[in-house]
C-alpha atoms as a PDB file:
ATOM      1  CA  MET A   1      23.448 -51.752  -9.441  1.00  0.00           C
ATOM      2  CA  VAL A   2      20.755 -49.084  -9.542  1.00  0.00           C
ATOM      3  CA  MET A   3      17.250 -50.159  -8.593  1.00  0.00           C
ATOM      4  CA  SER A   4      14.686 -47.637  -9.770  1.00  0.00           C
ATOM      5  CA  MET A   5      11.802 -47.396  -7.309  1.00  0.00           C
ATOM      6  CA  PHE A   6       9.709 -44.843  -9.148  1.00  0.00           C
ATOM      7  CA  ASN A   7       8.941 -43.545 -12.602  1.00  0.00           C
ATOM      8  CA  ARG A   8       7.770 -39.981 -11.981  1.00  0.00           C
ATOM      9  CA  GLN A   9      10.462 -37.416 -11.196  1.00  0.00           C
ATOM     10  CA  GLU A  10       8.202 -35.688  -8.655  1.00  0.00           C
ATOM     11  CA  ALA A  11       7.653 -38.902  -6.641  1.00  0.00           C
ATOM     12  CA  VAL A  12       9.109 -39.275  -3.149  1.00  0.00           C
ATOM     13  CA  PRO A  13      10.292 -42.869  -2.710  1.00  0.00           C
ATOM     14  CA  PHE A  14      11.200 -42.948   1.015  1.00  0.00           C
ATOM     15  CA  SER A  15       9.153 -42.078   4.083  1.00  0.00           C
ATOM     16  CA  ASP A  16      12.223 -41.708   6.339  1.00  0.00           C
ATOM     17  CA  ARG A  17      15.724 -43.078   6.924  1.00  0.00           C
ATOM     18  CA  THR A  18      14.417 -46.166   8.701  1.00  0.00           C
ATOM     19  CA  GLN A  19      12.302 -47.256   5.755  1.00  0.00           C
ATOM     20  CA  ALA A  20      15.122 -46.453   3.345  1.00  0.00           C
ATOM     21  CA  GLY A  21      17.452 -48.612   5.425  1.00  0.00           C
ATOM     22  CA  ARG A  22      15.071 -51.538   5.372  1.00  0.00           C
ATOM     23  CA  LEU A  23      14.791 -51.360   1.587  1.00  0.00           C
ATOM     24  CA  LEU A  24      18.538 -51.020   1.227  1.00  0.00           C
ATOM     25  CA  GLY A  25      18.981 -54.032   3.486  1.00  0.00           C
ATOM     26  CA  GLU A  26      16.823 -56.078   1.127  1.00  0.00           C
ATOM     27  CA  ALA A  27      19.018 -55.052  -1.790  1.00  0.00           C
ATOM     28  CA  LEU A  28      22.094 -56.179   0.156  1.00  0.00           C
ATOM     29  CA  LEU A  29      20.806 -59.636   1.089  1.00  0.00           C
ATOM     30  CA  PRO A  30      23.514 -61.341  -1.036  1.00  0.00           C
ATOM     31  CA  TYR A  31      25.894 -60.245   1.751  1.00  0.00           C
ATOM     32  CA  LYS A  32      23.807 -61.778   4.539  1.00  0.00           C
ATOM     33  CA  GLU A  33      25.503 -63.993   7.149  1.00  0.00           C
ATOM     34  CA  ARG A  34      28.994 -63.449   5.716  1.00  0.00           C
ATOM     35  CA  ASP A  35      31.599 -63.269   8.463  1.00  0.00           C
ATOM     36  CA  ASP A  36      33.902 -61.107   6.341  1.00  0.00           C
ATOM     37  CA  VAL A  37      31.402 -58.231   6.024  1.00  0.00           C
ATOM     38  CA  VAL A  38      31.445 -55.049   8.086  1.00  0.00           C
ATOM     39  CA  VAL A  39      29.031 -52.134   7.607  1.00  0.00           C
ATOM     40  CA  LEU A  40      30.426 -48.648   8.144  1.00  0.00           C
ATOM     41  CA  ALA A  41      27.971 -45.766   8.413  1.00  0.00           C
ATOM     42  CA  LEU A  42      28.754 -42.176   7.517  1.00  0.00           C
ATOM     43  CA  PRO A  43      27.434 -40.112  10.426  1.00  0.00           C
ATOM     44  CA  ARG A  44      25.193 -38.708  11.196  1.00  0.00           C
ATOM     45  CA  GLY A  45      22.432 -39.392   8.680  1.00  0.00           C
ATOM     46  CA  GLY A  46      23.876 -42.691   7.506  1.00  0.00           C
ATOM     47  CA  VAL A  47      23.634 -44.306  10.927  1.00  0.00           C
ATOM     48  CA  PRO A  48      19.829 -44.870  11.034  1.00  0.00           C
ATOM     49  CA  VAL A  49      20.016 -46.292   7.506  1.00  0.00           C
ATOM     50  CA  ALA A  50      22.941 -48.581   8.331  1.00  0.00           C
ATOM     51  CA  PHE A  51      21.244 -49.740  11.552  1.00  0.00           C
ATOM     52  CA  GLU A  52      18.473 -51.280   9.454  1.00  0.00           C
ATOM     53  CA  VAL A  53      20.972 -52.726   6.968  1.00  0.00           C
ATOM     54  CA  VAL A  54      22.892 -54.660   9.635  1.00  0.00           C
ATOM     55  CA  LYS A  55      19.630 -56.092  10.942  1.00  0.00           C
ATOM     56  CA  ALA A  56      18.795 -57.357   7.460  1.00  0.00           C
ATOM     57  CA  ILE A  57      22.165 -58.948   6.682  1.00  0.00           C
ATOM     58  CA  ASN A  58      23.332 -59.792  10.229  1.00  0.00           C
ATOM     59  CA  ALA A  59      26.591 -57.857  10.024  1.00  0.00           C
ATOM     60  CA  SER A  60      28.558 -55.713  12.449  1.00  0.00           C
ATOM     61  CA  LEU A  61      28.118 -51.927  12.497  1.00  0.00           C
ATOM     62  CA  ASP A  62      30.676 -49.187  12.989  1.00  0.00           C
ATOM     63  CA  LEU A  63      31.435 -45.686  11.737  1.00  0.00           C
ATOM     64  CA  MET A  64      33.337 -44.151   8.854  1.00  0.00           C
ATOM     65  CA  LEU A  65      34.022 -40.636  10.054  1.00  0.00           C
ATOM     66  CA  VAL A  66      33.992 -38.183   7.158  1.00  0.00           C
ATOM     67  CA  ARG A  67      33.351 -34.441   6.977  1.00  0.00           C
ATOM     68  CA  LYS A  68      32.319 -32.362   4.002  1.00  0.00           C
ATOM     69  CA  LEU A  69      34.399 -29.265   3.263  1.00  0.00           C
ATOM     70  CA  GLY A  70      31.719 -26.653   2.681  1.00  0.00           C
ATOM     71  CA  THR A  71      32.379 -23.796   0.289  1.00  0.00           C
ATOM     72  CA  PRO A  72      32.670 -20.487   2.210  1.00  0.00           C
ATOM     73  CA  GLY A  73      29.383 -18.633   1.881  1.00  0.00           C
ATOM     74  CA  GLN A  74      27.731 -21.724   0.370  1.00  0.00           C
ATOM     75  CA  GLU A  75      28.259 -24.297   3.081  1.00  0.00           C
ATOM     76  CA  GLU A  76      25.979 -26.904   1.475  1.00  0.00           C
ATOM     77  CA  LEU A  77      28.145 -26.890  -1.650  1.00  0.00           C
ATOM     78  CA  ALA A  78      30.996 -29.343  -1.118  1.00  0.00           C
ATOM     79  CA  MET A  79      34.409 -28.241  -2.337  1.00  0.00           C
ATOM     80  CA  GLY A  80      35.760 -31.506  -0.960  1.00  0.00           C
ATOM     81  CA  ALA A  81      35.805 -33.799   2.060  1.00  0.00           C
ATOM     82  CA  ILE A  82      38.154 -35.264   4.629  1.00  0.00           C
ATOM     83  CA  ALA A  83      38.071 -38.628   6.391  1.00  0.00           C
ATOM     84  CA  TRP A  84      39.369 -39.953   9.683  1.00  0.00           C
ATOM     85  CA  GLY A  85      43.009 -40.843   9.083  1.00  0.00           C
ATOM     86  CA  GLY A  86      43.821 -37.789   6.978  1.00  0.00           C
ATOM     87  CA  ALA A  87      42.429 -38.685   3.540  1.00  0.00           C
ATOM     88  CA  ARG A  88      41.266 -35.644   1.560  1.00  0.00           C
ATOM     89  CA  VAL A  89      39.297 -35.398  -1.691  1.00  0.00           C
ATOM     90  CA  LEU A  90      38.862 -32.029  -3.409  1.00  0.00           C
ATOM     91  CA  ASN A  91      36.331 -30.944  -6.037  1.00  0.00           C
ATOM     92  CA  THR A  92      38.725 -29.157  -8.371  1.00  0.00           C
ATOM     93  CA  ASP A  93      35.926 -27.922 -10.646  1.00  0.00           C
ATOM     94  CA  ILE A  94      34.215 -26.012  -7.816  1.00  0.00           C
ATOM     95  CA  ILE A  95      37.503 -24.786  -6.361  1.00  0.00           C
ATOM     96  CA  GLY A  96      38.685 -23.525  -9.740  1.00  0.00           C
ATOM     97  CA  SER A  97      35.421 -21.903 -10.790  1.00  0.00           C
ATOM     98  CA  LEU A  98      35.083 -20.016  -7.489  1.00  0.00           C
ATOM     99  CA  GLY A  99      38.758 -19.164  -7.145  1.00  0.00           C
ATOM    100  CA  ILE A 100      39.073 -20.718  -3.690  1.00  0.00           C
ATOM    101  CA  SER A 101      42.601 -20.385  -2.301  1.00  0.00           C
ATOM    102  CA  ALA A 102      44.689 -23.143  -0.777  1.00  0.00           C
ATOM    103  CA  GLU A 103      44.730 -21.189   2.481  1.00  0.00           C
ATOM    104  CA  THR A 104      40.939 -21.172   2.603  1.00  0.00           C
ATOM    105  CA  ILE A 105      40.793 -24.896   1.920  1.00  0.00           C
ATOM    106  CA  ASP A 106      43.310 -25.588   4.692  1.00  0.00           C
ATOM    107  CA  ALA A 107      41.378 -23.417   7.157  1.00  0.00           C
ATOM    108  CA  VAL A 108      38.105 -25.222   6.460  1.00  0.00           C
ATOM    109  CA  ALA A 109      39.845 -28.613   6.603  1.00  0.00           C
ATOM    110  CA  SER A 110      41.403 -27.738   9.968  1.00  0.00           C
ATOM    111  CA  ARG A 111      38.010 -26.803  11.402  1.00  0.00           C
ATOM    112  CA  GLU A 112      36.390 -29.962  10.117  1.00  0.00           C
ATOM    113  CA  SER A 113      39.276 -32.077  11.426  1.00  0.00           C
ATOM    114  CA  ARG A 114      38.475 -30.818  14.917  1.00  0.00           C
ATOM    115  CA  GLU A 115      34.863 -31.869  14.399  1.00  0.00           C
ATOM    116  CA  LEU A 116      36.009 -35.332  13.303  1.00  0.00           C
ATOM    117  CA  GLU A 117      37.981 -35.642  16.529  1.00  0.00           C
ATOM    118  CA  ARG A 118      34.983 -34.522  18.574  1.00  0.00           C
ATOM    119  CA  ARG A 119      32.737 -37.083  16.918  1.00  0.00           C
ATOM    120  CA  GLN A 120      35.299 -39.835  17.367  1.00  0.00           C
ATOM    121  CA  ARG A 121      35.338 -39.187  21.113  1.00  0.00           C
ATOM    122  CA  ALA A 122      31.583 -38.656  21.403  1.00  0.00           C
ATOM    123  CA  TYR A 123      30.448 -41.654  19.369  1.00  0.00           C
ATOM    124  CA  ARG A 124      33.141 -44.266  19.914  1.00  0.00           C
ATOM    125  CA  GLY A 125      34.977 -43.297  23.090  1.00  0.00           C
ATOM    126  CA  ASP A 126      37.887 -45.710  23.600  1.00  0.00           C
ATOM    127  CA  ARG A 127      36.415 -48.426  21.392  1.00  0.00           C
ATOM    128  CA  PRO A 128      39.115 -49.767  19.014  1.00  0.00           C
ATOM    129  CA  PRO A 129      38.678 -48.992  15.314  1.00  0.00           C
ATOM    130  CA  PRO A 130      36.985 -51.621  13.140  1.00  0.00           C
ATOM    131  CA  GLN A 131      39.284 -54.100  11.441  1.00  0.00           C
ATOM    132  CA  VAL A 132      38.797 -53.819   7.684  1.00  0.00           C
ATOM    133  CA  LYS A 133      41.952 -55.362   6.204  1.00  0.00           C
ATOM    134  CA  GLY A 134      40.967 -58.245   3.961  1.00  0.00           C
ATOM    135  CA  ARG A 135      37.265 -57.753   4.662  1.00  0.00           C
ATOM    136  CA  CYS A 136      34.293 -56.644   2.591  1.00  0.00           C
ATOM    137  CA  VAL A 137      33.310 -53.150   3.722  1.00  0.00           C
ATOM    138  CA  ILE A 138      29.848 -51.761   2.979  1.00  0.00           C
ATOM    139  CA  LEU A 139      29.777 -47.957   3.237  1.00  0.00           C
ATOM    140  CA  VAL A 140      26.292 -46.615   3.976  1.00  0.00           C
ATOM    141  CA  ASP A 141      24.870 -43.093   3.880  1.00  0.00           C
ATOM    142  CA  ASP A 142      21.347 -41.691   3.621  1.00  0.00           C
ATOM    143  CA  GLY A 143      22.053 -40.353   0.145  1.00  0.00           C
ATOM    144  CA  LEU A 144      24.695 -38.690  -2.000  1.00  0.00           C
ATOM    145  CA  ALA A 145      24.825 -35.380  -3.807  1.00  0.00           C
ATOM    146  CA  THR A 146      28.308 -34.610  -5.182  1.00  0.00           C
ATOM    147  CA  GLY A 147      29.725 -37.772  -3.605  1.00  0.00           C
ATOM    148  CA  ALA A 148      32.739 -35.921  -2.152  1.00  0.00           C
ATOM    149  CA  THR A 149      32.316 -37.347   1.353  1.00  0.00           C
ATOM    150  CA  MET A 150      31.905 -40.888   0.055  1.00  0.00           C
ATOM    151  CA  ARG A 151      34.926 -40.551  -2.213  1.00  0.00           C
ATOM    152  CA  SER A 152      36.978 -39.420   0.763  1.00  0.00           C
ATOM    153  CA  ALA A 153      35.744 -42.414   2.747  1.00  0.00           C
ATOM    154  CA  ILE A 154      36.761 -44.764  -0.069  1.00  0.00           C
ATOM    155  CA  LYS A 155      40.196 -43.162  -0.317  1.00  0.00           C
ATOM    156  CA  ALA A 156      40.761 -43.545   3.429  1.00  0.00           C
ATOM    157  CA  LEU A 157      39.598 -47.163   3.393  1.00  0.00           C
ATOM    158  CA  ARG A 158      41.853 -48.133   0.486  1.00  0.00           C
ATOM    159  CA  GLN A 159      44.813 -47.280   2.707  1.00  0.00           C
ATOM    160  CA  GLN A 160      43.679 -50.058   5.070  1.00  0.00           C
ATOM    161  CA  HIS A 161      43.526 -52.703   2.305  1.00  0.00           C
ATOM    162  CA  PRO A 162      39.989 -54.098   2.465  1.00  0.00           C
ATOM    163  CA  ALA A 163      39.179 -56.942   0.107  1.00  0.00           C
ATOM    164  CA  ARG A 164      36.152 -55.129  -1.333  1.00  0.00           C
ATOM    165  CA  ILE A 165      34.389 -51.774  -0.931  1.00  0.00           C
ATOM    166  CA  VAL A 166      30.658 -51.562  -1.564  1.00  0.00           C
ATOM    167  CA  VAL A 167      28.904 -48.178  -1.546  1.00  0.00           C
ATOM    168  CA  ALA A 168      25.243 -48.523  -0.542  1.00  0.00           C
ATOM    169  CA  VAL A 169      22.809 -45.593  -0.503  1.00  0.00           C
ATOM    170  CA  PRO A 170      19.077 -45.098  -0.988  1.00  0.00           C
ATOM    171  CA  VAL A 171      19.379 -42.222  -3.473  1.00  0.00           C
ATOM    172  CA  ALA A 172      21.971 -40.360  -5.539  1.00  0.00           C
ATOM    173  CA  PRO A 173      22.187 -38.534  -8.879  1.00  0.00           C
ATOM    174  CA  PRO A 174      23.237 -40.610 -11.891  1.00  0.00           C
ATOM    175  CA  ASP A 175      26.496 -38.754 -12.513  1.00  0.00           C
ATOM    176  CA  THR A 176      27.637 -39.271  -8.908  1.00  0.00           C
ATOM    177  CA  ILE A 177      26.908 -42.983  -9.177  1.00  0.00           C
ATOM    178  CA  GLU A 178      28.990 -43.221 -12.336  1.00  0.00           C
ATOM    179  CA  THR A 179      31.901 -41.444 -10.634  1.00  0.00           C
ATOM    180  CA  LEU A 180      31.786 -43.750  -7.629  1.00  0.00           C
ATOM    181  CA  ARG A 181      31.727 -46.829  -9.843  1.00  0.00           C
ATOM    182  CA  GLN A 182      35.262 -45.892 -10.847  1.00  0.00           C
ATOM    183  CA  GLU A 183      36.421 -45.839  -7.217  1.00  0.00           C
ATOM    184  CA  ALA A 184      34.376 -48.488  -5.366  1.00  0.00           C
ATOM    185  CA  ASP A 185      34.117 -52.163  -6.248  1.00  0.00           C
ATOM    186  CA  GLU A 186      30.319 -51.996  -6.293  1.00  0.00           C
ATOM    187  CA  VAL A 187      27.645 -49.325  -5.961  1.00  0.00           C
ATOM    188  CA  VAL A 188      24.160 -50.228  -4.736  1.00  0.00           C
ATOM    189  CA  CYS A 189      21.678 -47.365  -5.110  1.00  0.00           C
ATOM    190  CA  LEU A 190      17.909 -47.745  -4.897  1.00  0.00           C
ATOM    191  CA  ALA A 191      16.953 -44.615  -6.819  1.00  0.00           C
ATOM    192  CA  ALA A 192      18.762 -42.261  -9.195  1.00  0.00           C
ATOM    193  CA  PRO A 193      16.347 -39.391  -9.922  1.00  0.00           C
ATOM    194  CA  GLU A 194      17.134 -36.599 -12.323  1.00  0.00           C
ATOM    195  CA  PRO A 195      17.034 -33.678 -11.777  1.00  0.00           C
ATOM    196  CA  PHE A 196      18.308 -34.455  -8.287  1.00  0.00           C
ATOM    197  CA  MET A 197      18.271 -31.102  -6.428  1.00  0.00           C
ATOM    198  CA  ALA A 198      18.961 -32.342  -2.863  1.00  0.00           C
ATOM    199  CA  ILE A 199      18.902 -35.548  -0.807  1.00  0.00           C
ATOM    200  CA  GLY A 200      16.088 -34.337   1.450  1.00  0.00           C
ATOM    201  CA  ARG A 201      13.795 -33.905  -1.531  1.00  0.00           C
ATOM    202  CA  TRP A 202      13.535 -37.684  -1.821  1.00  0.00           C
ATOM    203  CA  TYR A 203      12.306 -38.262   1.732  1.00  0.00           C
ATOM    204  CA  HIS A 204       8.941 -37.388   3.269  1.00  0.00           C
ATOM    205  CA  GLU A 205      10.683 -36.920   6.628  1.00  0.00           C
ATOM    206  CA  PHE A 206      14.318 -35.853   6.716  1.00  0.00           C
ATOM    207  CA  PRO A 207      15.161 -34.330  10.115  1.00  0.00           C
ATOM    208  CA  GLN A 208      18.742 -33.815  11.183  1.00  0.00           C
ATOM    209  CA  THR A 209      20.097 -36.863  12.991  1.00  0.00           C
ATOM    210  CA  SER A 210      21.312 -35.918  16.471  1.00  0.00           C
ATOM    211  CA  ASP A 211      24.475 -36.988  18.274  1.00  0.00           C
ATOM    212  CA  ASP A 212      22.295 -38.711  20.872  1.00  0.00           C
ATOM    213  CA  GLU A 213      20.511 -40.747  18.196  1.00  0.00           C
ATOM    214  CA  VAL A 214      23.832 -41.832  16.695  1.00  0.00           C
ATOM    215  CA  LYS A 215      25.179 -42.917  20.081  1.00  0.00           C
ATOM    216  CA  ASP A 216      21.958 -44.734  20.961  1.00  0.00           C
ATOM    217  CA  LEU A 217      21.851 -46.712  17.716  1.00  0.00           C
ATOM    218  CA  LEU A 218      25.517 -47.634  17.937  1.00  0.00           C
ATOM    219  CA  GLN A 219      25.157 -48.848  21.501  1.00  0.00           C
ATOM    220  CA  ARG A 220      22.119 -50.920  20.562  1.00  0.00           C
ATOM    221  CA  ALA A 221      23.953 -52.452  17.622  1.00  0.00           C
ATOM    222  CA  TRP A 222      27.075 -53.186  19.662  1.00  0.00           C
ATOM    223  CA  THR A 223      25.075 -54.579  22.579  1.00  0.00           C
ATOM    224  CA  THR A 224      23.157 -57.001  20.386  1.00  0.00           C
ATOM    225  CA  ALA A 225      26.105 -58.030  18.184  1.00  0.00           C
ATOM    226  CA  GLY A 226      26.193 -61.797  18.065  1.00  0.00           C
ATOM    227  CA  GLY A 227      22.816 -62.052  19.724  1.00  0.00           C
ATOM    228  CA  ALA A 228      19.240 -61.256  18.843  1.00  0.00           C
ATOM    229  CA  ALA A 229      18.537 -58.697  16.149  1.00  0.00           C
ATOM    230  CA  PRO A 230      18.232 -55.141  17.492  1.00  0.00           C
ATOM    231  CA  GLU A 231      14.906 -53.409  17.649  1.00  0.00           C
ATOM    232  CA  SER A 232      13.812 -51.096  14.864  1.00  0.00           C
ATOM    233  CA  ALA A 233      15.277 -47.609  14.727  1.00  0.00           C
ATOM    234  CA  GLY A 234      11.816 -46.137  14.350  1.00  0.00           C
ATOM    235  CA  THR A 235       8.523 -46.489  12.600  1.00  0.00           C
END
């Protein structure tokens, strides 16, 4: 499902991640109040979006730890991604066109694996991992570009045998959406602009999400689980 929110390519549909999350939550209302649903956010930027989603559908929130493998010298260009648990997805087109060696890929993957471990400790501490076997898992991020990180998340989740995987994002390019439709059971995307350029282009405010913000939102979600809805993640 792709819900177009604008007609002009130069339009900016979202004010910030909080507003995008609220709109995404509305699109996911068919999953509201289902006890088999768990929402997993891709940190860091996906956490403020997912925080609003779980408020809308009354679901539990946890993390799907994934790291992009940046191309050496062009770190924003993803040559692949890794996920917690060892799953790896590589962009063979980029790797082939730039002649990136296996040794280089392994070195970048090793560095990013250490960052995954750091985030696991920082964000979740000793909290047990979410149980996803037989459940409907909604993967949330603040947007997709190549989709490498999300594909890695899907690959890692499949190993845990969920009943259904739903990818939910505010914005992504059309070709990435089509790719993910082959790997997820459902893709919910609010806007698919073309040309895409970058995720931040489609937000008025797109600051980097801090570790402290991630930890604060997770604690608020976990504290209020089963009780009153948590307060808004912002204005």
